[in-house]
């Protein structure tokens, strides 16, 4: 790992933490709020690739586990990994990795957006929905149905992340792996 890798990992962990400053929006029926931080997951994968993007999310979650309140709503500490959001948080590194793998070599918006859908939404939901079901004591289909409330916002975040990535990839082609 180079110094450049370390800086990029720390930068995208910090960017995702900053997105947590936007207030979370509560969702009816699901004890997990809508946050802007999943856009950081998508951007990390799109911009710095699967390995560094996943490591950026692991770094952020490690700092959160130490008690630093970097999650939306000022949450932090080990308790967040035992709450309803735990599965989604665990899905962040996976989502960044999948997004980054699928975005490799892509230059146009459509494949970048598809990478966000598969990794930033699909990968995160694949961990988050079972996590909500397990911790909340509801069935997985019920948790999936309730989590559909996240889709409109996540589609917007995927669109914004794609637009940002297209612009940055053109301006800084050496940034992406």
N, C-alpha and C. Protein backbone atom coordinates (compact mmCIF):
# COMPACT_ATOMS: atom_id res chain seq x y z
N UNK A 1 0.86 -1.18 0.00
CA UNK A 1 0.00 0.00 0.00
C UNK A 1 0.90 1.24 0.00
N UNK A 2 0.59 2.16 -0.87
CA UNK A 2 1.39 3.37 -0.99
C UNK A 2 0.81 4.48 -0.11
N UNK A 3 1.56 5.54 0.01
CA UNK A 3 1.07 6.72 0.74
C UNK A 3 -0.16 7.28 0.04
N UNK A 4 -0.17 7.23 -1.27
CA UNK A 4 -1.33 7.71 -2.05
C UNK A 4 -2.58 6.90 -1.70
N UNK A 5 -2.42 5.58 -1.62
CA UNK A 5 -3.55 4.72 -1.24
C UNK A 5 -4.09 5.11 0.13
N UNK A 6 -3.18 5.31 1.07
CA UNK A 6 -3.57 5.67 2.44
C UNK A 6 -4.34 6.99 2.46
N UNK A 7 -3.86 7.96 1.70
CA UNK A 7 -4.53 9.27 1.64
C UNK A 7 -5.92 9.14 1.02
N UNK A 8 -6.04 8.37 -0.06
CA UNK A 8 -7.35 8.19 -0.70
C UNK A 8 -8.32 7.47 0.21
N UNK A 9 -7.86 6.44 0.89
CA UNK A 9 -8.72 5.70 1.83
C UNK A 9 -9.21 6.64 2.93
N UNK A 10 -8.30 7.40 3.52
CA UNK A 10 -8.68 8.33 4.59
C UNK A 10 -9.61 9.42 4.06
N UNK A 11 -9.37 9.89 2.85
CA UNK A 11 -10.20 10.95 2.27
C UNK A 11 -11.63 10.48 2.06
N UNK A 12 -11.80 9.27 1.53
CA UNK A 12 -13.16 8.79 1.28
C UNK A 12 -13.86 8.34 2.56
N UNK A 13 -13.11 7.91 3.56
CA UNK A 13 -13.71 7.66 4.87
C UNK A 13 -14.21 8.99 5.45
N UNK A 14 -13.40 10.03 5.33
CA UNK A 14 -13.78 11.36 5.84
C UNK A 14 -14.97 11.92 5.07
N UNK A 15 -14.97 11.76 3.75
CA UNK A 15 -16.10 12.24 2.94
C UNK A 15 -17.40 11.58 3.38
N UNK A 16 -17.34 10.29 3.61
CA UNK A 16 -18.55 9.57 4.06
C UNK A 16 -18.96 10.04 5.45
N UNK A 17 -18.00 10.33 6.31
CA UNK A 17 -18.31 10.87 7.64
C UNK A 17 -18.97 12.23 7.51
N UNK A 18 -18.46 13.08 6.62
CA UNK A 18 -19.04 14.42 6.43
C UNK A 18 -20.48 14.32 5.93
N UNK A 19 -20.76 13.34 5.08
CA UNK A 19 -22.14 13.15 4.61
C UNK A 19 -23.08 12.82 5.76
N UNK A 20 -22.53 12.35 6.87
CA UNK A 20 -23.32 12.08 8.07
C UNK A 20 -23.77 13.33 8.79
N UNK A 21 -23.23 14.48 8.41
CA UNK A 21 -23.66 15.73 9.02
C UNK A 21 -25.06 16.14 8.57
N UNK A 22 -25.46 15.64 7.40
CA UNK A 22 -26.83 15.89 6.96
C UNK A 22 -27.77 15.12 7.87
N UNK A 23 -28.83 15.75 8.33
CA UNK A 23 -29.69 15.06 9.30
C UNK A 23 -30.36 13.82 8.71
N UNK A 24 -30.45 12.75 9.49
CA UNK A 24 -31.13 11.54 9.01
C UNK A 24 -32.63 11.75 8.94
N UNK A 25 -33.27 11.06 8.02
CA UNK A 25 -34.72 11.12 7.89
C UNK A 25 -35.32 9.82 8.39
N UNK A 26 -36.19 9.88 9.39
CA UNK A 26 -36.79 8.64 9.89
C UNK A 26 -37.72 8.02 8.84
N UNK A 27 -37.81 6.70 8.87
CA UNK A 27 -38.66 5.97 7.93
C UNK A 27 -39.73 5.25 8.73
N UNK A 28 -41.00 5.40 8.34
CA UNK A 28 -42.04 4.66 9.04
C UNK A 28 -41.83 3.14 8.90
N UNK A 29 -42.10 2.41 9.92
CA UNK A 29 -42.05 0.95 9.97
C UNK A 29 -40.65 0.36 10.04
N UNK A 30 -39.60 1.16 9.81
CA UNK A 30 -38.23 0.63 9.84
C UNK A 30 -37.44 1.49 10.82
N UNK A 31 -36.78 0.87 11.77
CA UNK A 31 -36.01 1.66 12.74
C UNK A 31 -34.63 2.08 12.23
N UNK A 32 -34.52 2.27 10.91
CA UNK A 32 -33.27 2.68 10.27
C UNK A 32 -33.56 3.96 9.49
N UNK A 33 -32.79 5.03 9.72
CA UNK A 33 -33.08 6.28 9.01
C UNK A 33 -32.46 6.31 7.60
N UNK A 34 -32.98 7.20 6.78
CA UNK A 34 -32.37 7.49 5.49
C UNK A 34 -31.24 8.47 5.75
N UNK A 35 -30.05 8.16 5.24
CA UNK A 35 -28.90 9.05 5.40
C UNK A 35 -28.23 9.27 4.06
N UNK A 36 -27.41 10.31 3.98
CA UNK A 36 -26.65 10.57 2.76
C UNK A 36 -25.38 9.73 2.70
N UNK A 37 -25.06 9.04 3.77
CA UNK A 37 -23.78 8.34 3.85
C UNK A 37 -23.64 7.19 2.86
N UNK A 38 -24.73 6.61 2.41
CA UNK A 38 -24.59 5.55 1.42
C UNK A 38 -24.09 6.10 0.09
N UNK A 39 -24.25 7.39 -0.14
CA UNK A 39 -23.66 7.99 -1.33
C UNK A 39 -22.14 7.96 -1.22
N UNK A 40 -21.61 8.08 -0.02
CA UNK A 40 -20.17 7.96 0.19
C UNK A 40 -19.68 6.57 -0.14
N UNK A 41 -20.49 5.56 0.17
CA UNK A 41 -20.15 4.17 -0.18
C UNK A 41 -20.02 4.06 -1.70
N UNK A 42 -20.99 4.60 -2.41
CA UNK A 42 -20.98 4.53 -3.87
C UNK A 42 -19.79 5.29 -4.44
N UNK A 43 -19.55 6.50 -3.95
CA UNK A 43 -18.44 7.30 -4.45
C UNK A 43 -17.09 6.64 -4.19
N UNK A 44 -16.94 6.04 -3.03
CA UNK A 44 -15.68 5.36 -2.72
C UNK A 44 -15.41 4.25 -3.73
N UNK A 45 -16.41 3.45 -4.01
CA UNK A 45 -16.24 2.37 -4.99
C UNK A 45 -15.97 2.91 -6.38
N UNK A 46 -16.74 3.91 -6.79
CA UNK A 46 -16.58 4.47 -8.13
C UNK A 46 -15.23 5.14 -8.33
N UNK A 47 -14.77 5.85 -7.32
CA UNK A 47 -13.60 6.71 -7.49
C UNK A 47 -12.28 6.06 -7.12
N UNK A 48 -12.25 5.22 -6.12
CA UNK A 48 -10.95 4.68 -5.70
C UNK A 48 -10.88 3.16 -5.79
N UNK A 49 -11.91 2.57 -6.34
CA UNK A 49 -11.89 1.14 -6.63
C UNK A 49 -12.32 0.24 -5.49
N UNK A 50 -12.39 -1.05 -5.77
CA UNK A 50 -12.95 -1.98 -4.79
C UNK A 50 -12.12 -2.14 -3.52
N UNK A 51 -10.82 -2.30 -3.67
CA UNK A 51 -9.98 -2.52 -2.48
C UNK A 51 -9.92 -1.28 -1.60
N UNK A 52 -9.55 -0.15 -2.20
CA UNK A 52 -9.42 1.07 -1.41
C UNK A 52 -10.79 1.57 -0.94
N UNK A 53 -11.83 1.41 -1.77
CA UNK A 53 -13.17 1.82 -1.36
C UNK A 53 -13.66 1.02 -0.16
N UNK A 54 -13.46 -0.30 -0.22
CA UNK A 54 -13.84 -1.16 0.91
C UNK A 54 -13.04 -0.82 2.16
N UNK A 55 -11.75 -0.57 2.00
CA UNK A 55 -10.91 -0.19 3.15
C UNK A 55 -11.33 1.15 3.73
N UNK A 56 -11.76 2.07 2.88
CA UNK A 56 -12.23 3.37 3.38
C UNK A 56 -13.45 3.19 4.29
N UNK A 57 -14.36 2.30 3.88
CA UNK A 57 -15.55 2.06 4.69
C UNK A 57 -15.18 1.32 5.98
N UNK A 58 -14.24 0.39 5.90
CA UNK A 58 -13.78 -0.30 7.12
C UNK A 58 -13.11 0.68 8.08
N UNK A 59 -12.34 1.61 7.55
CA UNK A 59 -11.71 2.62 8.39
C UNK A 59 -12.77 3.45 9.11
N UNK A 60 -13.74 3.92 8.35
CA UNK A 60 -14.81 4.72 8.97
C UNK A 60 -15.53 3.92 10.05
N UNK A 61 -15.89 2.68 9.76
CA UNK A 61 -16.60 1.87 10.75
C UNK A 61 -15.73 1.56 11.96
N UNK A 62 -14.44 1.41 11.76
CA UNK A 62 -13.52 1.21 12.88
C UNK A 62 -13.49 2.43 13.80
N UNK A 63 -13.46 3.61 13.22
CA UNK A 63 -13.47 4.84 14.01
C UNK A 63 -14.81 4.99 14.74
N UNK A 64 -15.89 4.63 14.05
CA UNK A 64 -17.22 4.67 14.69
C UNK A 64 -17.24 3.69 15.87
N UNK A 65 -16.69 2.49 15.69
CA UNK A 65 -16.66 1.49 16.77
C UNK A 65 -15.89 2.00 17.98
N UNK A 66 -14.91 2.86 17.76
CA UNK A 66 -14.15 3.44 18.87
C UNK A 66 -14.96 4.48 19.65
N UNK A 67 -16.13 4.82 19.14
CA UNK A 67 -16.99 5.74 19.86
C UNK A 67 -17.09 7.13 19.26
N UNK A 68 -16.42 7.37 18.17
CA UNK A 68 -16.49 8.69 17.53
C UNK A 68 -17.82 8.77 16.79
N UNK A 69 -18.63 9.78 17.07
CA UNK A 69 -19.99 9.86 16.51
C UNK A 69 -20.00 10.39 15.07
N UNK A 70 -19.62 9.54 14.13
CA UNK A 70 -19.52 9.95 12.73
C UNK A 70 -20.69 9.49 11.86
N UNK A 71 -21.61 8.77 12.45
CA UNK A 71 -22.78 8.36 11.69
C UNK A 71 -23.85 9.43 11.77
N UNK A 72 -24.73 9.44 10.78
CA UNK A 72 -25.81 10.43 10.75
C UNK A 72 -26.55 10.45 12.08
N UNK A 73 -26.87 11.63 12.53
CA UNK A 73 -27.55 11.78 13.81
C UNK A 73 -26.59 11.76 14.99
N UNK A 74 -25.28 11.79 14.71
CA UNK A 74 -24.29 11.82 15.78
C UNK A 74 -24.14 10.50 16.51
N UNK A 75 -24.33 9.40 15.79
CA UNK A 75 -24.23 8.08 16.42
C UNK A 75 -22.82 7.53 16.27
N UNK A 76 -22.39 6.78 17.24
CA UNK A 76 -21.10 6.12 17.22
C UNK A 76 -21.02 5.15 18.38
N UNK A 77 -19.97 4.36 18.43
CA UNK A 77 -19.79 3.38 19.49
C UNK A 77 -20.22 2.00 19.05
N UNK A 78 -19.87 1.03 19.85
CA UNK A 78 -20.17 -0.37 19.52
C UNK A 78 -21.67 -0.66 19.47
N UNK A 79 -22.46 0.14 20.18
CA UNK A 79 -23.90 -0.11 20.22
C UNK A 79 -24.55 -0.03 18.84
N UNK A 80 -24.01 0.79 17.94
CA UNK A 80 -24.62 0.88 16.61
C UNK A 80 -24.50 -0.43 15.85
N UNK A 81 -23.53 -1.27 16.24
CA UNK A 81 -23.36 -2.56 15.57
C UNK A 81 -24.25 -3.64 16.18
N UNK A 82 -25.05 -3.27 17.15
CA UNK A 82 -26.02 -4.19 17.73
C UNK A 82 -27.44 -3.69 17.48
N UNK A 83 -27.57 -2.55 16.79
CA UNK A 83 -28.87 -1.96 16.52
C UNK A 83 -29.39 -2.32 15.14
N UNK A 84 -30.55 -1.79 14.79
CA UNK A 84 -31.19 -2.12 13.52
C UNK A 84 -30.36 -1.73 12.29
N UNK A 85 -29.49 -0.73 12.41
CA UNK A 85 -28.67 -0.31 11.27
C UNK A 85 -27.44 -1.19 11.05
N UNK A 86 -27.17 -2.12 11.95
CA UNK A 86 -25.93 -2.91 11.90
C UNK A 86 -25.71 -3.60 10.56
N UNK A 87 -26.73 -4.22 10.02
CA UNK A 87 -26.58 -4.92 8.75
C UNK A 87 -26.22 -3.98 7.62
N UNK A 88 -26.85 -2.81 7.61
CA UNK A 88 -26.52 -1.82 6.58
C UNK A 88 -25.07 -1.37 6.73
N UNK A 89 -24.64 -1.12 7.96
CA UNK A 89 -23.25 -0.70 8.19
C UNK A 89 -22.27 -1.77 7.73
N UNK A 90 -22.57 -3.01 8.04
CA UNK A 90 -21.72 -4.12 7.60
C UNK A 90 -21.70 -4.19 6.08
N UNK A 91 -22.79 -3.80 5.46
CA UNK A 91 -22.87 -3.80 4.00
C UNK A 91 -22.08 -2.69 3.32
N UNK A 92 -21.66 -1.66 4.06
CA UNK A 92 -20.93 -0.56 3.43
C UNK A 92 -19.64 -1.01 2.76
N UNK A 93 -18.75 -1.74 3.43
CA UNK A 93 -17.52 -2.16 2.73
C UNK A 93 -17.82 -3.08 1.55
N UNK A 94 -18.81 -3.95 1.71
CA UNK A 94 -19.20 -4.85 0.62
C UNK A 94 -19.73 -4.04 -0.55
N UNK A 95 -20.60 -3.07 -0.25
CA UNK A 95 -21.16 -2.22 -1.29
C UNK A 95 -20.10 -1.44 -2.05
N UNK A 96 -19.12 -0.89 -1.33
CA UNK A 96 -18.03 -0.15 -1.98
C UNK A 96 -17.20 -1.08 -2.86
N UNK A 97 -16.93 -2.30 -2.37
CA UNK A 97 -16.16 -3.27 -3.16
C UNK A 97 -16.89 -3.67 -4.43
N UNK A 98 -18.16 -4.01 -4.30
CA UNK A 98 -18.93 -4.44 -5.48
C UNK A 98 -19.05 -3.28 -6.47
N UNK A 99 -19.34 -2.08 -5.97
CA UNK A 99 -19.44 -0.92 -6.85
C UNK A 99 -18.12 -0.71 -7.59
N UNK A 100 -17.02 -0.78 -6.87
CA UNK A 100 -15.71 -0.59 -7.48
C UNK A 100 -15.38 -1.66 -8.51
N UNK A 101 -15.71 -2.90 -8.22
CA UNK A 101 -15.42 -3.98 -9.17
C UNK A 101 -16.21 -3.78 -10.47
N UNK A 102 -17.48 -3.43 -10.33
CA UNK A 102 -18.33 -3.27 -11.50
C UNK A 102 -18.02 -1.99 -12.29
N UNK A 103 -17.43 -1.01 -11.63
CA UNK A 103 -17.13 0.27 -12.29
C UNK A 103 -15.78 0.26 -13.00
N UNK A 104 -14.98 -0.76 -12.80
CA UNK A 104 -13.65 -0.82 -13.42
C UNK A 104 -13.74 -0.68 -14.93
N UNK A 105 -12.99 0.26 -15.44
CA UNK A 105 -12.91 0.47 -16.88
C UNK A 105 -14.09 1.21 -17.48
N UNK A 106 -15.12 1.48 -16.69
CA UNK A 106 -16.30 2.18 -17.22
C UNK A 106 -15.99 3.66 -17.39
N UNK A 107 -16.48 4.23 -18.48
CA UNK A 107 -16.25 5.65 -18.72
C UNK A 107 -17.54 6.42 -18.94
N UNK A 108 -18.61 5.72 -19.22
CA UNK A 108 -19.87 6.42 -19.46
C UNK A 108 -20.80 6.28 -18.25
N UNK A 109 -21.79 7.15 -18.16
CA UNK A 109 -22.67 7.14 -16.99
C UNK A 109 -23.46 5.85 -16.76
N UNK A 110 -23.93 5.19 -17.80
CA UNK A 110 -24.80 4.03 -17.62
C UNK A 110 -24.14 2.90 -16.82
N UNK A 111 -22.92 2.47 -17.17
CA UNK A 111 -22.32 1.40 -16.37
C UNK A 111 -21.94 1.86 -14.96
N UNK A 112 -21.61 3.12 -14.79
CA UNK A 112 -21.30 3.63 -13.45
C UNK A 112 -22.56 3.63 -12.59
N UNK A 113 -23.67 4.05 -13.18
CA UNK A 113 -24.95 4.04 -12.46
C UNK A 113 -25.34 2.60 -12.11
N UNK A 114 -25.16 1.69 -13.06
CA UNK A 114 -25.47 0.27 -12.80
C UNK A 114 -24.60 -0.27 -11.66
N UNK A 115 -23.34 0.15 -11.61
CA UNK A 115 -22.46 -0.28 -10.52
C UNK A 115 -22.98 0.22 -9.18
N UNK A 116 -23.47 1.45 -9.16
CA UNK A 116 -24.06 2.00 -7.92
C UNK A 116 -25.30 1.21 -7.51
N UNK A 117 -26.12 0.85 -8.49
CA UNK A 117 -27.33 0.08 -8.18
C UNK A 117 -26.98 -1.29 -7.61
N UNK A 118 -26.04 -1.97 -8.24
CA UNK A 118 -25.69 -3.32 -7.81
C UNK A 118 -24.93 -3.32 -6.48
N UNK A 119 -23.95 -2.44 -6.34
CA UNK A 119 -23.12 -2.44 -5.14
C UNK A 119 -23.64 -1.53 -4.05
N UNK A 120 -23.84 -0.27 -4.41
CA UNK A 120 -24.23 0.72 -3.41
C UNK A 120 -25.63 0.54 -2.87
N UNK A 121 -26.48 -0.10 -3.66
CA UNK A 121 -27.83 -0.40 -3.18
C UNK A 121 -27.95 -1.91 -2.92
N UNK A 122 -27.74 -2.71 -3.95
CA UNK A 122 -27.92 -4.17 -3.80
C UNK A 122 -27.02 -4.78 -2.75
N UNK A 123 -25.74 -4.44 -2.78
CA UNK A 123 -24.80 -5.01 -1.82
C UNK A 123 -25.10 -4.60 -0.39
N UNK A 124 -25.46 -3.33 -0.23
CA UNK A 124 -25.77 -2.82 1.11
C UNK A 124 -27.09 -3.42 1.61
N UNK A 125 -28.10 -3.48 0.74
CA UNK A 125 -29.38 -4.05 1.14
C UNK A 125 -29.26 -5.55 1.46
N UNK A 126 -28.38 -6.25 0.75
CA UNK A 126 -28.22 -7.69 0.96
C UNK A 126 -27.80 -7.99 2.40
N UNK A 127 -27.09 -7.08 3.01
CA UNK A 127 -26.71 -7.23 4.42
C UNK A 127 -27.72 -6.54 5.34
N UNK A 128 -28.21 -5.39 4.90
CA UNK A 128 -29.08 -4.58 5.75
C UNK A 128 -30.44 -5.18 6.03
N UNK A 129 -31.07 -5.72 5.02
CA UNK A 129 -32.43 -6.26 5.19
C UNK A 129 -32.44 -7.45 6.16
N UNK A 130 -31.57 -8.43 5.98
CA UNK A 130 -31.54 -9.52 6.98
C UNK A 130 -31.17 -9.02 8.38
N UNK A 131 -30.31 -8.00 8.45
CA UNK A 131 -29.94 -7.43 9.74
C UNK A 131 -31.13 -6.81 10.45
N UNK A 132 -31.92 -6.04 9.71
CA UNK A 132 -33.13 -5.43 10.29
C UNK A 132 -34.08 -6.52 10.75
N UNK A 133 -34.26 -7.54 9.91
CA UNK A 133 -35.18 -8.64 10.26
C UNK A 133 -34.74 -9.33 11.54
N UNK A 134 -33.46 -9.64 11.63
CA UNK A 134 -32.93 -10.35 12.79
C UNK A 134 -33.06 -9.51 14.06
N UNK A 135 -32.63 -8.28 14.01
CA UNK A 135 -32.60 -7.43 15.20
C UNK A 135 -33.99 -6.96 15.60
N UNK A 136 -34.85 -6.74 14.60
CA UNK A 136 -36.20 -6.25 14.90
C UNK A 136 -37.21 -7.36 15.13
N UNK A 137 -36.82 -8.60 14.86
CA UNK A 137 -37.74 -9.71 15.08
C UNK A 137 -38.86 -9.78 14.07
N UNK A 138 -38.60 -9.34 12.83
CA UNK A 138 -39.61 -9.42 11.77
C UNK A 138 -39.08 -10.34 10.68
N UNK A 139 -39.95 -10.72 9.77
CA UNK A 139 -39.52 -11.61 8.69
C UNK A 139 -38.69 -10.83 7.67
N UNK A 140 -37.87 -11.54 6.93
CA UNK A 140 -37.05 -10.91 5.88
C UNK A 140 -37.95 -10.26 4.81
N UNK A 141 -39.02 -10.92 4.35
CA UNK A 141 -39.89 -10.25 3.37
C UNK A 141 -40.51 -8.96 3.91
N UNK A 142 -40.88 -8.96 5.19
CA UNK A 142 -41.43 -7.74 5.79
C UNK A 142 -40.37 -6.65 5.86
N UNK A 143 -39.16 -7.03 6.23
CA UNK A 143 -38.06 -6.07 6.28
C UNK A 143 -37.74 -5.54 4.89
N UNK A 144 -37.80 -6.41 3.89
CA UNK A 144 -37.54 -5.98 2.51
C UNK A 144 -38.61 -5.01 2.03
N UNK A 145 -39.84 -5.32 2.34
CA UNK A 145 -40.94 -4.43 1.94
C UNK A 145 -40.80 -3.07 2.62
N UNK A 146 -40.50 -3.07 3.90
CA UNK A 146 -40.32 -1.81 4.62
C UNK A 146 -39.11 -1.04 4.10
N UNK A 147 -38.08 -1.75 3.70
CA UNK A 147 -36.87 -1.10 3.20
C UNK A 147 -37.07 -0.49 1.82
N UNK A 148 -38.15 -0.83 1.16
CA UNK A 148 -38.45 -0.21 -0.14
C UNK A 148 -38.58 1.31 0.00
N UNK A 149 -38.84 1.78 1.21
CA UNK A 149 -38.93 3.22 1.44
C UNK A 149 -37.60 3.92 1.16
N UNK A 150 -36.49 3.16 1.22
CA UNK A 150 -35.17 3.74 0.96
C UNK A 150 -34.88 3.91 -0.53
N UNK A 151 -35.57 3.15 -1.39
CA UNK A 151 -35.22 3.11 -2.80
C UNK A 151 -35.25 4.46 -3.52
N UNK A 152 -36.29 5.28 -3.37
CA UNK A 152 -36.27 6.56 -4.10
C UNK A 152 -35.04 7.42 -3.76
N UNK A 153 -34.73 7.53 -2.49
CA UNK A 153 -33.56 8.31 -2.09
C UNK A 153 -32.27 7.69 -2.56
N UNK A 154 -32.19 6.35 -2.51
CA UNK A 154 -30.98 5.67 -2.96
C UNK A 154 -30.78 5.81 -4.46
N UNK A 155 -31.86 5.83 -5.22
CA UNK A 155 -31.74 6.05 -6.66
C UNK A 155 -31.22 7.46 -6.95
N UNK A 156 -31.68 8.43 -6.18
CA UNK A 156 -31.18 9.80 -6.34
C UNK A 156 -29.70 9.85 -5.97
N UNK A 157 -29.33 9.21 -4.86
CA UNK A 157 -27.92 9.19 -4.45
C UNK A 157 -27.05 8.51 -5.51
N UNK A 158 -27.55 7.44 -6.12
CA UNK A 158 -26.81 6.76 -7.19
C UNK A 158 -26.62 7.69 -8.39
N UNK A 159 -27.64 8.46 -8.71
CA UNK A 159 -27.55 9.41 -9.82
C UNK A 159 -26.54 10.51 -9.52
N UNK A 160 -26.57 11.04 -8.31
CA UNK A 160 -25.62 12.09 -7.93
C UNK A 160 -24.20 11.53 -7.91
N UNK A 161 -24.02 10.34 -7.33
CA UNK A 161 -22.69 9.73 -7.29
C UNK A 161 -22.16 9.48 -8.70
N UNK A 162 -23.03 9.06 -9.59
CA UNK A 162 -22.63 8.83 -10.98
C UNK A 162 -22.19 10.13 -11.64
N UNK A 163 -22.97 11.18 -11.46
CA UNK A 163 -22.63 12.48 -12.06
C UNK A 163 -21.30 13.00 -11.52
N UNK A 164 -21.11 12.88 -10.22
CA UNK A 164 -19.85 13.32 -9.61
C UNK A 164 -18.69 12.48 -10.15
N UNK A 165 -18.87 11.18 -10.21
CA UNK A 165 -17.80 10.29 -10.68
C UNK A 165 -17.44 10.55 -12.13
N UNK A 166 -18.44 10.76 -12.99
CA UNK A 166 -18.15 11.04 -14.40
C UNK A 166 -17.31 12.31 -14.50
N UNK A 167 -17.70 13.34 -13.77
CA UNK A 167 -16.97 14.61 -13.80
C UNK A 167 -15.55 14.45 -13.26
N UNK A 168 -15.41 13.80 -12.10
CA UNK A 168 -14.09 13.64 -11.51
C UNK A 168 -13.19 12.70 -12.32
N UNK A 169 -13.77 11.67 -12.90
CA UNK A 169 -12.97 10.74 -13.71
C UNK A 169 -12.40 11.45 -14.95
N UNK A 170 -13.19 12.40 -15.50
CA UNK A 170 -12.69 13.17 -16.65
C UNK A 170 -11.61 14.14 -16.20
N UNK A 171 -11.82 14.79 -15.07
CA UNK A 171 -10.88 15.80 -14.58
C UNK A 171 -9.59 15.18 -14.03
N UNK A 172 -9.73 14.01 -13.39
CA UNK A 172 -8.59 13.35 -12.74
C UNK A 172 -8.54 11.88 -13.14
N UNK A 173 -8.17 11.59 -14.38
CA UNK A 173 -8.21 10.20 -14.83
C UNK A 173 -7.28 9.27 -14.07
N UNK A 174 -6.25 9.78 -13.45
CA UNK A 174 -5.33 8.92 -12.69
C UNK A 174 -5.86 8.58 -11.29
N UNK A 175 -6.96 9.20 -10.89
CA UNK A 175 -7.52 8.93 -9.56
C UNK A 175 -8.05 7.52 -9.43
N UNK A 176 -8.74 7.06 -10.46
CA UNK A 176 -9.35 5.74 -10.40
C UNK A 176 -8.32 4.66 -10.74
N UNK A 177 -8.45 3.50 -10.11
CA UNK A 177 -7.47 2.43 -10.37
C UNK A 177 -7.61 1.84 -11.77
